[in-house]
Amino acid sequence: MAGPGRAPQAYQQAQVMGSDRRQLVVLLCRALERYLTRAEQAIRDREFETKADALAKAHAVLSELICSLNNEAGGEVARGLRRLYLGMQRHIVDVDLGDDLELLAEVLEMARLLARTWEEALRRCLEERAAQAA
């Protein structure tokens, strides 16, 4: 039986398993945002192990986003997203090396914009699907 500390992880796993690809991208973008926010606070608090862990997780999320791209179907949009995600990964490495809060703020703002954009795209897709079903 899972302990109380495992409940959030079980919830996340259920949420991911019940999501379609677009929803998963939104979940990944929101996770990216959380990890970057955690890293920002850790830098301010001089908790370097927490910072390193949060930035490593943010980097891993970006790797997942890169792997999720379909270059054939996505064409130039997918190639542009790949460049964006790779650039964000490079910035995360620079943030980690220099504890650069200004650069981290830029990456965090990009992550927030990505999350909002993907959420809007998902909302529109769901609306179109509902309109077609009606």
N, C-alpha and C. Protein backbone atom coordinates (compact mmCIF):
# COMPACT_ATOMS: atom_id res chain seq x y z
N MET A 1 0.84 -1.18 0.00
CA MET A 1 0.00 0.00 0.00
C MET A 1 0.89 1.25 0.00
N ALA A 2 0.53 2.22 -0.80
CA ALA A 2 1.32 3.44 -0.91
C ALA A 2 1.08 4.34 0.29
N GLY A 3 2.15 4.96 0.75
CA GLY A 3 2.05 5.89 1.87
C GLY A 3 1.53 7.23 1.43
N PRO A 4 1.29 8.14 2.40
CA PRO A 4 0.73 9.44 2.06
C PRO A 4 1.63 10.26 1.14
N GLY A 5 2.94 10.05 1.21
CA GLY A 5 3.85 10.79 0.34
C GLY A 5 3.75 10.39 -1.12
N ARG A 6 3.15 9.24 -1.38
CA ARG A 6 3.03 8.73 -2.74
C ARG A 6 1.74 9.20 -3.42
N ALA A 7 0.82 9.79 -2.68
CA ALA A 7 -0.47 10.18 -3.25
C ALA A 7 -0.33 11.18 -4.40
N PRO A 8 0.48 12.26 -4.25
CA PRO A 8 0.61 13.19 -5.39
C PRO A 8 1.17 12.51 -6.63
N GLN A 9 2.13 11.61 -6.42
CA GLN A 9 2.73 10.91 -7.56
C GLN A 9 1.69 10.01 -8.23
N ALA A 10 0.87 9.32 -7.45
CA ALA A 10 -0.17 8.47 -8.00
C ALA A 10 -1.19 9.29 -8.77
N TYR A 11 -1.54 10.45 -8.22
CA TYR A 11 -2.48 11.34 -8.90
C TYR A 11 -1.90 11.80 -10.24
N GLN A 12 -0.64 12.21 -10.22
CA GLN A 12 -0.01 12.67 -11.46
C GLN A 12 0.03 11.55 -12.49
N GLN A 13 0.34 10.34 -12.04
CA GLN A 13 0.40 9.21 -12.95
C GLN A 13 -0.97 8.95 -13.58
N ALA A 14 -2.03 9.01 -12.77
CA ALA A 14 -3.38 8.82 -13.29
C ALA A 14 -3.75 9.93 -14.26
N GLN A 15 -3.33 11.15 -13.95
CA GLN A 15 -3.63 12.29 -14.81
C GLN A 15 -2.93 12.11 -16.16
N VAL A 16 -1.69 11.67 -16.14
CA VAL A 16 -0.93 11.48 -17.38
C VAL A 16 -1.52 10.33 -18.20
N MET A 17 -1.86 9.24 -17.55
CA MET A 17 -2.39 8.08 -18.26
C MET A 17 -3.73 8.38 -18.92
N GLY A 18 -4.49 9.32 -18.37
CA GLY A 18 -5.79 9.66 -18.93
C GLY A 18 -5.75 10.83 -19.89
N SER A 19 -4.58 11.30 -20.25
CA SER A 19 -4.44 12.49 -21.09
C SER A 19 -4.11 12.13 -22.52
N ASP A 20 -4.57 12.98 -23.44
CA ASP A 20 -4.12 12.80 -24.82
C ASP A 20 -2.81 13.57 -24.99
N ARG A 21 -2.23 13.47 -26.16
CA ARG A 21 -0.90 14.07 -26.39
C ARG A 21 -0.88 15.57 -26.12
N ARG A 22 -1.92 16.27 -26.53
CA ARG A 22 -1.95 17.72 -26.32
C ARG A 22 -2.01 18.04 -24.83
N GLN A 23 -2.78 17.28 -24.10
CA GLN A 23 -2.87 17.50 -22.65
C GLN A 23 -1.52 17.20 -21.98
N LEU A 24 -0.83 16.20 -22.49
CA LEU A 24 0.48 15.87 -21.92
C LEU A 24 1.47 17.01 -22.13
N VAL A 25 1.42 17.65 -23.28
CA VAL A 25 2.31 18.78 -23.54
C VAL A 25 2.01 19.91 -22.56
N VAL A 26 0.73 20.17 -22.31
CA VAL A 26 0.35 21.20 -21.34
C VAL A 26 0.88 20.82 -19.95
N LEU A 27 0.71 19.55 -19.55
CA LEU A 27 1.22 19.10 -18.25
C LEU A 27 2.73 19.26 -18.16
N LEU A 28 3.42 18.94 -19.23
CA LEU A 28 4.89 19.10 -19.24
C LEU A 28 5.28 20.57 -19.12
N CYS A 29 4.59 21.44 -19.82
CA CYS A 29 4.90 22.87 -19.74
C CYS A 29 4.64 23.41 -18.34
N ARG A 30 3.58 22.98 -17.71
CA ARG A 30 3.30 23.41 -16.33
C ARG A 30 4.34 22.86 -15.37
N ALA A 31 4.80 21.63 -15.60
CA ALA A 31 5.86 21.06 -14.77
C ALA A 31 7.15 21.85 -14.95
N LEU A 32 7.46 22.20 -16.18
CA LEU A 32 8.64 23.02 -16.47
C LEU A 32 8.58 24.32 -15.68
N GLU A 33 7.44 24.95 -15.70
CA GLU A 33 7.24 26.20 -14.97
C GLU A 33 7.47 26.01 -13.47
N ARG A 34 6.93 24.93 -12.91
CA ARG A 34 7.11 24.65 -11.47
C ARG A 34 8.57 24.42 -11.12
N TYR A 35 9.28 23.64 -11.95
CA TYR A 35 10.69 23.36 -11.66
C TYR A 35 11.54 24.63 -11.75
N LEU A 36 11.26 25.46 -12.72
CA LEU A 36 12.02 26.71 -12.85
C LEU A 36 11.73 27.65 -11.68
N THR A 37 10.49 27.68 -11.23
CA THR A 37 10.12 28.50 -10.07
C THR A 37 10.83 27.99 -8.82
N ARG A 38 10.87 26.67 -8.68
CA ARG A 38 11.57 26.05 -7.54
C ARG A 38 13.06 26.39 -7.59
N ALA A 39 13.65 26.34 -8.77
CA ALA A 39 15.07 26.68 -8.92
C ALA A 39 15.32 28.14 -8.57
N GLU A 40 14.43 29.01 -8.99
CA GLU A 40 14.57 30.43 -8.68
C GLU A 40 14.59 30.66 -7.16
N GLN A 41 13.66 30.04 -6.48
CA GLN A 41 13.60 30.21 -5.02
C GLN A 41 14.84 29.60 -4.36
N ALA A 42 15.27 28.47 -4.88
CA ALA A 42 16.45 27.81 -4.32
C ALA A 42 17.70 28.68 -4.48
N ILE A 43 17.83 29.34 -5.61
CA ILE A 43 18.98 30.24 -5.80
C ILE A 43 18.91 31.37 -4.77
N ARG A 44 17.73 31.95 -4.61
CA ARG A 44 17.55 33.03 -3.64
C ARG A 44 17.88 32.57 -2.21
N ASP A 45 17.51 31.32 -1.90
CA ASP A 45 17.72 30.77 -0.57
C ASP A 45 19.10 30.12 -0.41
N ARG A 46 19.88 30.12 -1.49
CA ARG A 46 21.21 29.52 -1.51
C ARG A 46 21.15 28.02 -1.17
N GLU A 47 20.11 27.37 -1.67
CA GLU A 47 19.95 25.92 -1.52
C GLU A 47 20.37 25.28 -2.85
N PHE A 48 21.66 25.06 -2.97
CA PHE A 48 22.22 24.71 -4.27
C PHE A 48 21.87 23.29 -4.71
N GLU A 49 21.68 22.39 -3.77
CA GLU A 49 21.27 21.04 -4.15
C GLU A 49 19.85 21.05 -4.71
N THR A 50 18.97 21.81 -4.08
CA THR A 50 17.59 21.94 -4.57
C THR A 50 17.58 22.61 -5.94
N LYS A 51 18.42 23.63 -6.11
CA LYS A 51 18.52 24.33 -7.39
C LYS A 51 18.96 23.36 -8.48
N ALA A 52 19.99 22.59 -8.21
CA ALA A 52 20.52 21.66 -9.21
C ALA A 52 19.48 20.61 -9.58
N ASP A 53 18.77 20.10 -8.58
CA ASP A 53 17.73 19.10 -8.82
C ASP A 53 16.60 19.69 -9.67
N ALA A 54 16.14 20.88 -9.32
CA ALA A 54 15.04 21.51 -10.06
C ALA A 54 15.45 21.82 -11.50
N LEU A 55 16.66 22.30 -11.70
CA LEU A 55 17.12 22.61 -13.05
C LEU A 55 17.31 21.34 -13.88
N ALA A 56 17.78 20.27 -13.24
CA ALA A 56 17.93 18.99 -13.94
C ALA A 56 16.56 18.47 -14.39
N LYS A 57 15.56 18.62 -13.54
CA LYS A 57 14.20 18.19 -13.90
C LYS A 57 13.63 19.07 -15.01
N ALA A 58 13.89 20.36 -14.95
CA ALA A 58 13.43 21.26 -16.02
C ALA A 58 14.08 20.87 -17.35
N HIS A 59 15.36 20.56 -17.31
CA HIS A 59 16.09 20.13 -18.50
C HIS A 59 15.48 18.85 -19.06
N ALA A 60 15.13 17.91 -18.16
CA ALA A 60 14.53 16.64 -18.58
C ALA A 60 13.15 16.87 -19.21
N VAL A 61 12.39 17.79 -18.66
CA VAL A 61 11.07 18.10 -19.25
C VAL A 61 11.26 18.62 -20.67
N LEU A 62 12.22 19.49 -20.86
CA LEU A 62 12.48 20.01 -22.21
C LEU A 62 12.91 18.89 -23.15
N SER A 63 13.67 17.93 -22.64
CA SER A 63 14.05 16.77 -23.47
C SER A 63 12.81 15.99 -23.89
N GLU A 64 11.87 15.82 -22.96
CA GLU A 64 10.61 15.13 -23.30
C GLU A 64 9.84 15.91 -24.36
N LEU A 65 9.80 17.22 -24.22
CA LEU A 65 9.10 18.04 -25.21
C LEU A 65 9.76 17.91 -26.58
N ILE A 66 11.08 17.88 -26.60
CA ILE A 66 11.81 17.72 -27.87
C ILE A 66 11.47 16.37 -28.49
N CYS A 67 11.46 15.33 -27.68
CA CYS A 67 11.17 13.98 -28.19
C CYS A 67 9.73 13.85 -28.67
N SER A 68 8.84 14.68 -28.15
CA SER A 68 7.43 14.59 -28.54
C SER A 68 7.14 15.25 -29.88
N LEU A 69 8.09 16.00 -30.40
CA LEU A 69 7.87 16.71 -31.66
C LEU A 69 7.81 15.73 -32.83
N ASN A 70 6.90 15.99 -33.75
CA ASN A 70 6.77 15.21 -34.97
C ASN A 70 7.16 16.12 -36.13
N ASN A 71 8.38 15.96 -36.59
CA ASN A 71 8.89 16.85 -37.64
C ASN A 71 8.13 16.70 -38.95
N GLU A 72 7.68 15.49 -39.26
CA GLU A 72 6.95 15.28 -40.51
C GLU A 72 5.61 16.00 -40.48
N ALA A 73 4.85 15.80 -39.42
CA ALA A 73 3.53 16.41 -39.33
C ALA A 73 3.62 17.90 -38.97
N GLY A 74 4.62 18.25 -38.15
CA GLY A 74 4.73 19.61 -37.64
C GLY A 74 5.47 20.57 -38.53
N GLY A 75 6.28 20.04 -39.42
CA GLY A 75 7.01 20.89 -40.36
C GLY A 75 7.82 21.99 -39.69
N GLU A 76 7.66 23.20 -40.18
CA GLU A 76 8.43 24.34 -39.69
C GLU A 76 8.09 24.67 -38.24
N VAL A 77 6.84 24.46 -37.84
CA VAL A 77 6.46 24.72 -36.44
C VAL A 77 7.25 23.81 -35.51
N ALA A 78 7.33 22.53 -35.85
CA ALA A 78 8.08 21.58 -35.02
C ALA A 78 9.56 21.95 -34.99
N ARG A 79 10.10 22.35 -36.13
CA ARG A 79 11.52 22.74 -36.16
C ARG A 79 11.75 23.99 -35.31
N GLY A 80 10.83 24.94 -35.36
CA GLY A 80 10.94 26.15 -34.53
C GLY A 80 10.84 25.82 -33.05
N LEU A 81 9.93 24.93 -32.70
CA LEU A 81 9.81 24.52 -31.29
C LEU A 81 11.08 23.81 -30.82
N ARG A 82 11.64 22.97 -31.68
CA ARG A 82 12.89 22.28 -31.32
C ARG A 82 13.99 23.30 -31.01
N ARG A 83 14.11 24.31 -31.87
CA ARG A 83 15.12 25.35 -31.62
C ARG A 83 14.85 26.08 -30.31
N LEU A 84 13.59 26.38 -30.05
CA LEU A 84 13.22 27.06 -28.80
C LEU A 84 13.57 26.19 -27.59
N TYR A 85 13.14 24.93 -27.62
CA TYR A 85 13.40 24.03 -26.49
C TYR A 85 14.90 23.83 -26.26
N LEU A 86 15.66 23.67 -27.34
CA LEU A 86 17.12 23.51 -27.20
C LEU A 86 17.75 24.78 -26.63
N GLY A 87 17.29 25.93 -27.09
CA GLY A 87 17.79 27.19 -26.54
C GLY A 87 17.49 27.32 -25.06
N MET A 88 16.29 26.91 -24.66
CA MET A 88 15.94 26.96 -23.24
C MET A 88 16.84 26.02 -22.44
N GLN A 89 17.14 24.85 -23.00
CA GLN A 89 18.05 23.93 -22.31
C GLN A 89 19.43 24.57 -22.13
N ARG A 90 19.93 25.23 -23.16
CA ARG A 90 21.24 25.89 -23.03
C ARG A 90 21.20 26.97 -21.95
N HIS A 91 20.12 27.72 -21.91
CA HIS A 91 19.98 28.75 -20.88
C HIS A 91 19.94 28.14 -19.48
N ILE A 92 19.29 27.00 -19.34
CA ILE A 92 19.22 26.34 -18.04
C ILE A 92 20.62 25.95 -17.58
N VAL A 93 21.44 25.46 -18.49
CA VAL A 93 22.83 25.12 -18.15
C VAL A 93 23.56 26.37 -17.68
N ASP A 94 23.37 27.47 -18.39
CA ASP A 94 24.03 28.73 -18.01
C ASP A 94 23.53 29.22 -16.65
N VAL A 95 22.24 29.09 -16.41
CA VAL A 95 21.68 29.48 -15.10
C VAL A 95 22.32 28.64 -14.00
N ASP A 96 22.44 27.34 -14.24
CA ASP A 96 23.00 26.44 -13.24
C ASP A 96 24.46 26.80 -12.95
N LEU A 97 25.21 27.12 -13.97
CA LEU A 97 26.63 27.44 -13.78
C LEU A 97 26.85 28.77 -13.07
N GLY A 98 25.97 29.75 -13.35
CA GLY A 98 26.21 31.09 -12.82
C GLY A 98 25.19 31.61 -11.83
N ASP A 99 24.20 30.77 -11.46
CA ASP A 99 23.12 31.23 -10.58
C ASP A 99 22.54 32.55 -11.07
N ASP A 100 22.33 32.62 -12.37
CA ASP A 100 21.88 33.85 -13.04
C ASP A 100 20.37 34.00 -12.94
N LEU A 101 19.91 34.78 -11.97
CA LEU A 101 18.47 34.97 -11.75
C LEU A 101 17.81 35.73 -12.89
N GLU A 102 18.54 36.63 -13.52
CA GLU A 102 17.97 37.39 -14.64
C GLU A 102 17.69 36.47 -15.82
N LEU A 103 18.63 35.61 -16.16
CA LEU A 103 18.44 34.67 -17.25
C LEU A 103 17.34 33.66 -16.88
N LEU A 104 17.33 33.23 -15.64
CA LEU A 104 16.29 32.30 -15.19
C LEU A 104 14.90 32.94 -15.33
N ALA A 105 14.79 34.22 -15.01
CA ALA A 105 13.51 34.92 -15.16
C ALA A 105 13.05 34.91 -16.63
N GLU A 106 13.99 35.06 -17.55
CA GLU A 106 13.65 35.02 -18.98
C GLU A 106 13.15 33.63 -19.38
N VAL A 107 13.85 32.59 -18.92
CA VAL A 107 13.46 31.23 -19.26
C VAL A 107 12.10 30.91 -18.62
N LEU A 108 11.90 31.35 -17.40
CA LEU A 108 10.63 31.14 -16.72
C LEU A 108 9.49 31.83 -17.46
N GLU A 109 9.73 33.02 -17.95
CA GLU A 109 8.68 33.72 -18.71
C GLU A 109 8.38 32.98 -20.01
N MET A 110 9.42 32.44 -20.67
CA MET A 110 9.19 31.63 -21.87
C MET A 110 8.35 30.40 -21.54
N ALA A 111 8.65 29.76 -20.40
CA ALA A 111 7.90 28.57 -19.99
C ALA A 111 6.44 28.93 -19.72
N ARG A 112 6.21 30.05 -19.08
CA ARG A 112 4.83 30.48 -18.81
C ARG A 112 4.08 30.76 -20.11
N LEU A 113 4.75 31.42 -21.04
CA LEU A 113 4.13 31.71 -22.33
C LEU A 113 3.83 30.42 -23.09
N LEU A 114 4.76 29.48 -23.06
CA LEU A 114 4.55 28.18 -23.71
C LEU A 114 3.33 27.48 -23.12
N ALA A 115 3.24 27.45 -21.79
CA ALA A 115 2.12 26.78 -21.13
C ALA A 115 0.80 27.43 -21.54
N ARG A 116 0.76 28.75 -21.51
CA ARG A 116 -0.49 29.45 -21.89
C ARG A 116 -0.84 29.19 -23.35
N THR A 117 0.16 29.17 -24.21
CA THR A 117 -0.06 28.95 -25.64
C THR A 117 -0.59 27.54 -25.89
N TRP A 118 0.04 26.54 -25.27
CA TRP A 118 -0.41 25.16 -25.44
C TRP A 118 -1.80 24.97 -24.84
N GLU A 119 -2.09 25.62 -23.71
CA GLU A 119 -3.43 25.52 -23.12
C GLU A 119 -4.48 26.11 -24.06
N GLU A 120 -4.16 27.23 -24.68
CA GLU A 120 -5.09 27.86 -25.63
C GLU A 120 -5.28 26.96 -26.85
N ALA A 121 -4.22 26.38 -27.34
CA ALA A 121 -4.32 25.48 -28.50
C ALA A 121 -5.19 24.27 -28.14
N LEU A 122 -4.99 23.72 -26.97
CA LEU A 122 -5.80 22.58 -26.52
C LEU A 122 -7.27 22.98 -26.41
N ARG A 123 -7.53 24.15 -25.82
CA ARG A 123 -8.91 24.62 -25.66
C ARG A 123 -9.58 24.74 -27.03
N ARG A 124 -8.87 25.31 -27.98
CA ARG A 124 -9.44 25.48 -29.33
C ARG A 124 -9.71 24.13 -30.00
N CYS A 125 -8.78 23.19 -29.84
CA CYS A 125 -8.98 21.85 -30.42
C CYS A 125 -10.21 21.19 -29.82
N LEU A 126 -10.36 21.30 -28.51
CA LEU A 126 -11.52 20.69 -27.85
C LEU A 126 -12.82 21.36 -28.28
N GLU A 127 -12.80 22.67 -28.46
CA GLU A 127 -13.99 23.38 -28.94
C GLU A 127 -14.35 22.96 -30.36
N GLU A 128 -13.34 22.81 -31.21
CA GLU A 128 -13.59 22.38 -32.58
C GLU A 128 -14.15 20.96 -32.61
N ARG A 129 -13.60 20.10 -31.78
CA ARG A 129 -14.07 18.72 -31.70
C ARG A 129 -15.53 18.70 -31.24
N ALA A 130 -15.85 19.51 -30.24
CA ALA A 130 -17.23 19.56 -29.73
C ALA A 130 -18.18 20.11 -30.79
N ALA A 131 -17.73 21.13 -31.54
CA ALA A 131 -18.58 21.71 -32.59
C ALA A 131 -18.83 20.71 -33.72
N GLN A 132 -17.83 19.90 -34.05
CA GLN A 132 -17.99 18.91 -35.10
C GLN A 132 -18.91 17.78 -34.66
N ALA A 133 -18.88 17.48 -33.37
CA ALA A 133 -19.72 16.39 -32.85
C ALA A 133 -21.19 16.82 -32.74
N ALA A 134 -21.41 18.13 -32.66
CA ALA A 134 -22.79 18.62 -32.49
C ALA A 134 -23.58 18.63 -33.76
